[in-house]
N, C-alpha and C. Protein backbone atom coordinates (compact mmCIF):
# COMPACT_ATOMS: atom_id res chain seq x y z
N UNK A 1 0.60 -0.98 0.03
CA UNK A 1 0.05 0.43 0.03
C UNK A 1 0.76 1.14 0.39
N UNK A 2 0.59 2.18 -1.12
CA UNK A 2 1.53 3.16 -0.91
C UNK A 2 0.61 4.85 -0.68
N UNK A 3 1.38 5.32 0.58
CA UNK A 3 0.55 6.56 1.02
C UNK A 3 1.24 8.15 0.88
N UNK A 4 1.18 8.91 0.82
CA UNK A 4 1.78 10.47 0.80
C UNK A 4 1.61 11.17 2.15
N UNK A 5 2.03 10.77 3.06
CA UNK A 5 1.85 11.87 4.10
C UNK A 5 2.63 13.33 4.45
N UNK A 6 2.10 14.17 4.58
CA UNK A 6 2.80 15.64 5.12
C UNK A 6 3.82 15.41 6.32
N UNK A 7 4.54 16.13 6.34
CA UNK A 7 5.94 16.13 6.68
C UNK A 7 6.03 17.84 7.21
N UNK A 8 6.31 18.48 7.96
CA UNK A 8 7.21 19.72 9.00
C UNK A 8 8.54 19.39 8.42
N UNK A 9 9.56 20.35 8.22
CA UNK A 9 10.31 20.81 8.00
C UNK A 9 10.92 22.11 8.15
N UNK A 10 12.16 22.52 9.45
CA UNK A 10 12.39 23.62 10.44
C UNK A 10 14.22 23.63 10.35
N UNK A 11 13.91 24.76 9.80
CA UNK A 11 15.74 24.16 9.66
C UNK A 11 16.11 25.01 11.25
N UNK A 12 17.28 24.32 11.40
CA UNK A 12 17.80 23.69 12.89
C UNK A 12 19.18 24.50 12.64
N UNK A 13 19.90 24.76 13.39
CA UNK A 13 21.53 25.00 13.61
C UNK A 13 22.09 24.55 13.24
N UNK A 14 21.71 23.23 13.77
CA UNK A 14 22.64 22.18 12.68
C UNK A 14 22.25 20.96 11.69
N UNK A 15 21.04 22.08 10.89
CA UNK A 15 20.63 21.20 10.02
C UNK A 15 18.82 21.05 10.03
N UNK A 16 18.34 20.12 9.85
CA UNK A 16 16.71 20.03 9.73
C UNK A 16 15.63 19.12 10.47
N UNK A 17 15.41 19.65 11.35
CA UNK A 17 13.89 18.77 12.12
C UNK A 17 12.88 18.55 11.68
N UNK A 18 12.12 17.48 11.15
CA UNK A 18 10.90 16.82 10.27
C UNK A 18 10.63 16.05 11.76
N UNK A 19 8.97 16.67 11.54
CA UNK A 19 8.16 16.18 12.30
C UNK A 19 7.08 15.80 11.64
N UNK A 20 6.63 14.06 11.58
CA UNK A 20 5.16 13.58 10.56
C UNK A 20 4.00 13.66 11.62
N UNK A 21 3.40 14.75 11.17
CA UNK A 21 1.82 14.63 12.60
C UNK A 21 1.10 13.60 12.98
N UNK A 22 0.73 12.85 11.30
CA UNK A 22 0.03 11.93 11.25
C UNK A 22 0.77 10.30 12.26
N UNK A 23 1.63 10.70 12.10
CA UNK A 23 2.25 9.60 13.16
C UNK A 23 3.15 10.06 14.17
N UNK A 24 2.88 11.41 15.08
CA UNK A 24 3.06 11.84 16.03
C UNK A 24 4.45 11.57 16.34
N UNK A 25 5.57 11.28 15.47
CA UNK A 25 7.19 11.60 15.21
C UNK A 25 7.73 12.03 14.93
N UNK A 26 9.19 12.28 15.41
CA UNK A 26 9.73 12.81 14.69
C UNK A 26 11.60 12.33 14.02
N UNK A 27 12.40 13.36 13.04
CA UNK A 27 13.17 12.39 12.82
C UNK A 27 14.00 13.99 12.33
N UNK A 28 15.09 13.74 12.23
CA UNK A 28 16.29 14.84 11.60
C UNK A 28 16.99 14.77 10.20
N UNK A 29 17.70 15.24 9.75
CA UNK A 29 18.16 15.60 8.78
C UNK A 29 19.50 16.56 8.21
N UNK A 30 20.54 15.68 7.91
CA UNK A 30 21.73 16.88 7.36
C UNK A 30 20.97 18.23 6.55
N UNK A 31 19.93 17.29 5.44
CA UNK A 31 19.59 19.18 4.53
C UNK A 31 18.76 18.67 4.59
N UNK A 32 17.65 19.81 3.16
CA UNK A 32 16.39 19.25 3.45
C UNK A 32 16.33 17.85 2.32
N UNK A 33 16.63 17.49 1.76
CA UNK A 33 17.14 16.04 0.85
C UNK A 33 17.31 14.42 1.82
N UNK A 34 18.25 14.88 2.65
CA UNK A 34 18.21 14.15 3.65
C UNK A 34 17.69 13.71 4.68
N UNK A 35 16.86 14.20 4.88
CA UNK A 35 15.65 15.20 6.30
C UNK A 35 14.41 14.30 5.72
N UNK A 36 13.94 13.59 4.23
CA UNK A 36 12.91 13.91 3.64
C UNK A 36 13.45 12.29 3.32
N UNK A 37 14.43 11.54 3.07
CA UNK A 37 15.25 9.99 3.66
C UNK A 37 14.99 9.63 4.48
N UNK A 38 15.00 10.95 5.84
CA UNK A 38 14.78 10.43 6.84
C UNK A 38 13.58 10.18 7.68
N UNK A 39 12.62 10.90 7.01
CA UNK A 39 10.90 10.85 7.44
C UNK A 39 10.41 10.08 6.46
N UNK A 40 10.99 9.54 5.54
CA UNK A 40 10.78 8.60 4.50
C UNK A 40 10.87 7.31 5.91
N UNK A 41 12.08 6.58 5.79
CA UNK A 41 12.55 5.80 6.48
C UNK A 41 11.84 5.24 8.08
N UNK A 42 11.57 6.60 8.61
CA UNK A 42 10.39 6.56 10.43
C UNK A 42 9.86 6.32 9.76
N UNK A 43 8.81 6.68 8.81
CA UNK A 43 6.95 6.58 8.79
C UNK A 43 7.47 5.10 8.46
N UNK A 44 8.28 4.83 6.88
CA UNK A 44 8.63 3.45 6.80
C UNK A 44 8.63 2.08 8.06
N UNK A 45 9.00 2.21 9.19
CA UNK A 45 9.32 1.61 9.85
C UNK A 45 8.95 2.06 10.96
N UNK A 46 7.74 2.65 11.26
CA UNK A 46 6.75 2.69 12.26
C UNK A 46 5.68 2.28 11.32
N UNK A 47 5.69 2.80 9.88
CA UNK A 47 4.14 1.25 9.67
C UNK A 47 3.88 -0.37 9.88
N UNK A 48 5.46 -0.46 9.58
CA UNK A 48 5.66 -2.25 9.53
C UNK A 48 4.94 -2.17 10.56
N UNK A 49 5.77 -1.69 12.07
CA UNK A 49 6.21 -1.72 13.14
C UNK A 49 3.87 -2.10 13.70
N UNK A 50 3.53 -1.08 13.23
CA UNK A 50 2.25 -1.19 13.91
C UNK A 50 1.97 -2.06 13.27
N UNK A 51 1.31 -2.63 11.85
CA UNK A 51 0.94 -3.70 11.22
C UNK A 51 2.23 -5.07 11.76
N UNK A 52 2.46 -5.16 11.90
CA UNK A 52 3.22 -6.31 12.68
C UNK A 52 2.60 -6.62 14.18
N UNK A 53 2.29 -5.83 15.04
CA UNK A 53 1.30 -5.46 15.51
C UNK A 53 -0.03 -5.10 15.70
N UNK A 54 -0.87 -5.50 14.63
CA UNK A 54 -2.31 -5.21 14.66
C UNK A 54 -2.94 -3.90 14.25
N UNK A 55 -1.89 -3.17 14.79
CA UNK A 55 -2.79 -1.94 14.57
C UNK A 55 -2.83 -1.43 13.43
N UNK A 56 -3.81 -0.30 13.48
CA UNK A 56 -4.30 0.61 11.67
C UNK A 56 -3.29 1.43 11.69
N UNK A 57 -3.13 1.92 10.58
CA UNK A 57 -1.64 2.49 9.99
C UNK A 57 -2.64 4.12 9.66
N UNK A 58 -2.40 5.03 10.11
CA UNK A 58 -3.39 5.93 10.36
C UNK A 58 -2.97 6.50 9.07
N UNK A 59 -4.66 7.22 8.30
CA UNK A 59 -4.55 8.31 7.36
C UNK A 59 -3.99 9.23 7.22
N UNK A 60 -3.80 9.42 5.55
CA UNK A 60 -2.76 10.65 6.01
C UNK A 60 -3.46 12.17 5.98
N UNK A 61 -2.88 13.02 6.34
CA UNK A 61 -3.35 14.16 7.04
C UNK A 61 -5.12 14.05 8.15
N UNK A 62 -4.17 12.38 8.98
CA UNK A 62 -5.12 12.81 9.63
C UNK A 62 -4.60 13.44 11.19
N UNK A 63 -3.23 13.75 11.03
CA UNK A 63 -3.77 15.07 12.55
C UNK A 63 -3.79 16.86 11.75
N UNK A 64 -3.24 17.71 13.16
CA UNK A 64 -4.08 18.87 11.98
C UNK A 64 -1.96 19.24 12.15
N UNK A 65 -2.16 19.78 10.93
CA UNK A 65 -1.41 20.40 11.08
C UNK A 65 -0.44 21.56 11.25
N UNK A 66 0.28 22.02 12.22
CA UNK A 66 0.82 22.78 12.45
C UNK A 66 2.12 24.08 11.77
N UNK A 67 2.36 23.96 11.30
CA UNK A 67 3.24 24.63 11.04
C UNK A 67 4.62 26.32 11.52
N UNK A 68 5.29 26.31 11.42
CA UNK A 68 5.92 27.49 12.17
C UNK A 68 5.98 28.36 10.42
N UNK A 69 6.28 29.45 10.30
CA UNK A 69 6.33 30.27 9.19
C UNK A 69 7.22 30.68 8.47
N UNK A 70 8.84 29.58 9.03
CA UNK A 70 9.54 29.65 7.45
C UNK A 70 9.64 28.18 8.05
N UNK A 71 8.89 26.97 8.33
CA UNK A 71 8.73 26.03 7.87
C UNK A 71 8.11 25.30 6.65
N UNK A 72 9.15 24.24 6.42
CA UNK A 72 8.34 23.55 4.44
C UNK A 72 7.64 22.26 5.44
N UNK A 73 6.47 22.24 4.25
CA UNK A 73 4.99 21.73 4.44
C UNK A 73 5.05 21.18 2.82
N UNK A 74 5.63 19.57 3.18
CA UNK A 74 6.05 18.58 1.68
C UNK A 74 5.05 17.57 2.15
N UNK A 75 4.59 16.56 1.23
CA UNK A 75 5.04 15.53 1.44
C UNK A 75 5.95 14.66 0.80
N UNK A 76 5.95 13.08 1.70
CA UNK A 76 6.07 12.09 1.70
C UNK A 76 5.64 10.82 1.72
N UNK A 77 6.11 10.61 0.17
CA UNK A 77 5.53 8.79 -0.33
C UNK A 77 6.46 7.48 0.63
N UNK A 78 5.69 6.86 0.82
CA UNK A 78 5.87 5.79 1.18
C UNK A 78 5.05 4.81 0.64
N UNK A 79 5.84 3.50 -0.08
CA UNK A 79 5.13 2.52 -0.27
C UNK A 79 5.47 0.72 1.04
N UNK A 80 4.55 0.89 2.16
CA UNK A 80 4.73 0.15 2.39
C UNK A 80 5.71 -1.63 2.86
N UNK A 81 4.18 -1.62 1.12
CA UNK A 81 5.06 -3.88 1.12
C UNK A 81 6.24 -3.08 0.02
N UNK A 82 6.80 -2.36 -0.43
CA UNK A 82 8.12 -2.25 -1.05
C UNK A 82 8.91 -1.79 0.52
N UNK A 83 8.89 -0.51 1.13
CA UNK A 83 9.41 -0.90 2.17
C UNK A 83 9.97 -2.34 3.65
N UNK A 84 8.62 -2.82 3.62
CA UNK A 84 9.07 -4.45 3.78
C UNK A 84 9.48 -5.17 3.70
N UNK A 85 9.63 -5.68 1.88
CA UNK A 85 11.35 -6.16 1.06
C UNK A 85 12.07 -5.19 1.79
N UNK A 86 12.43 -3.72 1.89
CA UNK A 86 13.24 -3.68 1.49
C UNK A 86 14.32 -3.89 2.58
N UNK A 87 13.92 -3.57 3.55
CA UNK A 87 14.48 -3.75 4.85
C UNK A 87 14.27 -4.95 6.59
N UNK A 88 12.93 -5.57 5.44
CA UNK A 88 13.40 -6.79 6.65
C UNK A 88 12.83 -8.33 6.15
N UNK A 89 14.63 -8.79 5.33
CA UNK A 89 14.53 -9.53 4.57
C UNK A 89 15.46 -10.48 5.12
N UNK A 90 15.24 -10.99 6.84
CA UNK A 90 15.82 -11.69 7.33
C UNK A 90 16.18 -13.13 6.04
N UNK A 91 16.37 -13.41 6.85
CA UNK A 91 15.74 -15.23 6.56
C UNK A 91 14.76 -16.21 7.34
N UNK A 92 13.43 -16.86 7.29
CA UNK A 92 13.74 -17.98 7.59
C UNK A 92 13.45 -19.13 7.14
N UNK A 93 14.00 -19.99 8.23
CA UNK A 93 13.97 -21.11 8.42
C UNK A 93 12.18 -22.13 8.58
N UNK A 94 12.60 -22.75 6.95
CA UNK A 94 11.10 -23.20 7.19
C UNK A 94 11.06 -24.40 6.60
N UNK A 95 10.30 -25.60 7.05
CA UNK A 95 10.89 -26.97 7.40
C UNK A 95 9.65 -27.48 6.30
N UNK A 96 10.03 -28.69 4.73
CA UNK A 96 8.62 -28.84 3.77
C UNK A 96 9.30 -30.68 3.46
N UNK A 97 8.39 -31.36 3.12
CA UNK A 97 9.01 -32.73 2.69
C UNK A 97 8.50 -32.99 1.22
N UNK A 98 9.23 -33.15 0.73
CA UNK A 98 9.00 -33.57 -0.90
C UNK A 98 9.12 -34.82 -0.56
N UNK A 99 8.57 -35.84 -2.01
CA UNK A 99 9.08 -37.08 -2.19
C UNK A 99 10.86 -37.14 -2.08
N UNK A 100 11.69 -38.93 -1.70
CA UNK A 100 12.19 -39.36 -1.56
C UNK A 100 13.10 -39.23 -3.30
N UNK A 101 12.20 -39.47 -4.17
CA UNK A 101 12.64 -39.38 -5.21
C UNK A 101 12.70 -37.98 -5.90
N UNK A 102 12.00 -37.02 -5.84
CA UNK A 102 12.47 -36.03 -6.17
C UNK A 102 13.15 -34.97 -5.49
N UNK A 103 13.60 -35.34 -4.30
CA UNK A 103 14.82 -35.30 -3.56
C UNK A 103 16.57 -35.41 -4.72
N UNK A 104 16.11 -36.51 -4.81
CA UNK A 104 17.34 -37.42 -5.12
C UNK A 104 17.93 -36.70 -6.29
N UNK A 105 17.40 -36.75 -7.15
CA UNK A 105 17.27 -35.63 -9.20
C UNK A 105 17.93 -34.52 -8.61
N UNK A 106 16.83 -33.58 -7.33
CA UNK A 106 17.17 -32.01 -7.06
C UNK A 106 18.27 -32.17 -6.53
N UNK A 107 18.45 -32.85 -5.92
CA UNK A 107 20.47 -32.83 -5.38
C UNK A 107 21.53 -33.49 -7.01
N UNK A 108 21.25 -34.39 -7.50
CA UNK A 108 21.61 -34.48 -8.84
C UNK A 108 21.43 -33.17 -9.61
N UNK A 109 21.00 -32.67 -9.99
CA UNK A 109 20.90 -31.80 -10.57
C UNK A 109 21.65 -30.08 -9.93
N UNK A 110 21.97 -30.60 -8.92
CA UNK A 110 22.44 -28.99 -8.53
C UNK A 110 20.96 -27.86 -7.19
N UNK A 111 20.60 -28.24 -7.73
CA UNK A 111 19.73 -27.14 -7.03
C UNK A 111 19.14 -26.79 -5.65
N UNK A 112 19.04 -25.62 -6.03
CA UNK A 112 19.74 -24.72 -4.68
C UNK A 112 18.40 -24.95 -3.49
N UNK A 113 17.86 -25.88 -2.99
CA UNK A 113 16.70 -25.69 -2.76
C UNK A 113 15.88 -24.43 -2.12
N UNK A 114 16.55 -23.59 -1.64
CA UNK A 114 15.59 -22.47 -0.53
C UNK A 114 15.54 -21.03 -2.00
N UNK A 115 16.93 -21.05 -3.06
CA UNK A 115 15.86 -20.59 -4.19
C UNK A 115 15.48 -20.81 -4.65
N UNK A 116 15.00 -22.14 -4.80
CA UNK A 116 13.95 -22.82 -5.65
C UNK A 116 12.43 -22.46 -5.40
N UNK A 117 12.38 -22.51 -3.77
CA UNK A 117 11.77 -22.33 -3.04
C UNK A 117 11.14 -20.67 -3.26
N UNK A 118 12.36 -18.93 -3.35
CA UNK A 118 11.40 -18.20 -3.30
C UNK A 118 11.54 -18.18 -4.22
N UNK A 119 11.65 -18.51 -5.30
CA UNK A 119 11.57 -18.26 -6.68
C UNK A 119 9.72 -18.50 -7.10
N UNK A 120 9.37 -19.62 -6.51
CA UNK A 120 8.04 -20.37 -6.94
C UNK A 120 7.24 -19.75 -6.37
N UNK A 121 7.56 -19.10 -4.76
CA UNK A 121 6.70 -18.61 -3.97
C UNK A 121 6.42 -17.41 -4.63
N UNK A 122 7.78 -16.77 -5.34
CA UNK A 122 7.50 -15.08 -6.13
C UNK A 122 6.69 -15.39 -6.86
N UNK A 123 6.72 -16.39 -7.69
CA UNK A 123 5.80 -16.41 -9.03
C UNK A 123 4.34 -17.33 -9.26
N UNK A 124 4.02 -17.87 -7.70
CA UNK A 124 2.94 -18.11 -6.86
C UNK A 124 2.29 -17.11 -6.93
N UNK A 125 2.90 -16.12 -6.02
CA UNK A 125 2.35 -14.53 -4.89
C UNK A 125 2.20 -13.68 -6.17
N UNK A 126 3.13 -13.47 -6.93
CA UNK A 126 2.44 -12.83 -8.59
C UNK A 126 3.61 -11.42 -7.91
N UNK A 127 4.89 -11.51 -7.28
CA UNK A 127 5.29 -10.98 -7.03
C UNK A 127 7.31 -10.44 -7.69
N UNK A 128 7.86 -9.99 -7.50
CA UNK A 128 8.63 -9.54 -8.17
C UNK A 128 9.96 -9.36 -6.64
N UNK A 129 11.08 -9.31 -7.20
CA UNK A 129 12.58 -8.72 -6.15
C UNK A 129 12.32 -7.40 -6.17
């Protein structure tokens, strides 16, 4: 699911402070581009944590925005599914059972079982890397 959340960027003495009203969180960056990237990471991490806990993600613009006079208000897009693939790529061990004869043939052919399972799951789920 891809969403665009508003952020408020404030210039500070040593960089940029970023407030994300819909999640009630903040981050910072060394420049405007870095601040936007940090906001995307903060939203992505908070979002997948909330999903893992069974919580509903806030809707964009669900919180009141109160920018200061010199603040920058902009939108940051986050694709939570893509973000999860990017940061949550740890390996999970699965035990599966196949017929003995198939195991023998696959081993003779030098097939990597983990890679083959990943490829077929992605094909069945119609997703790409």
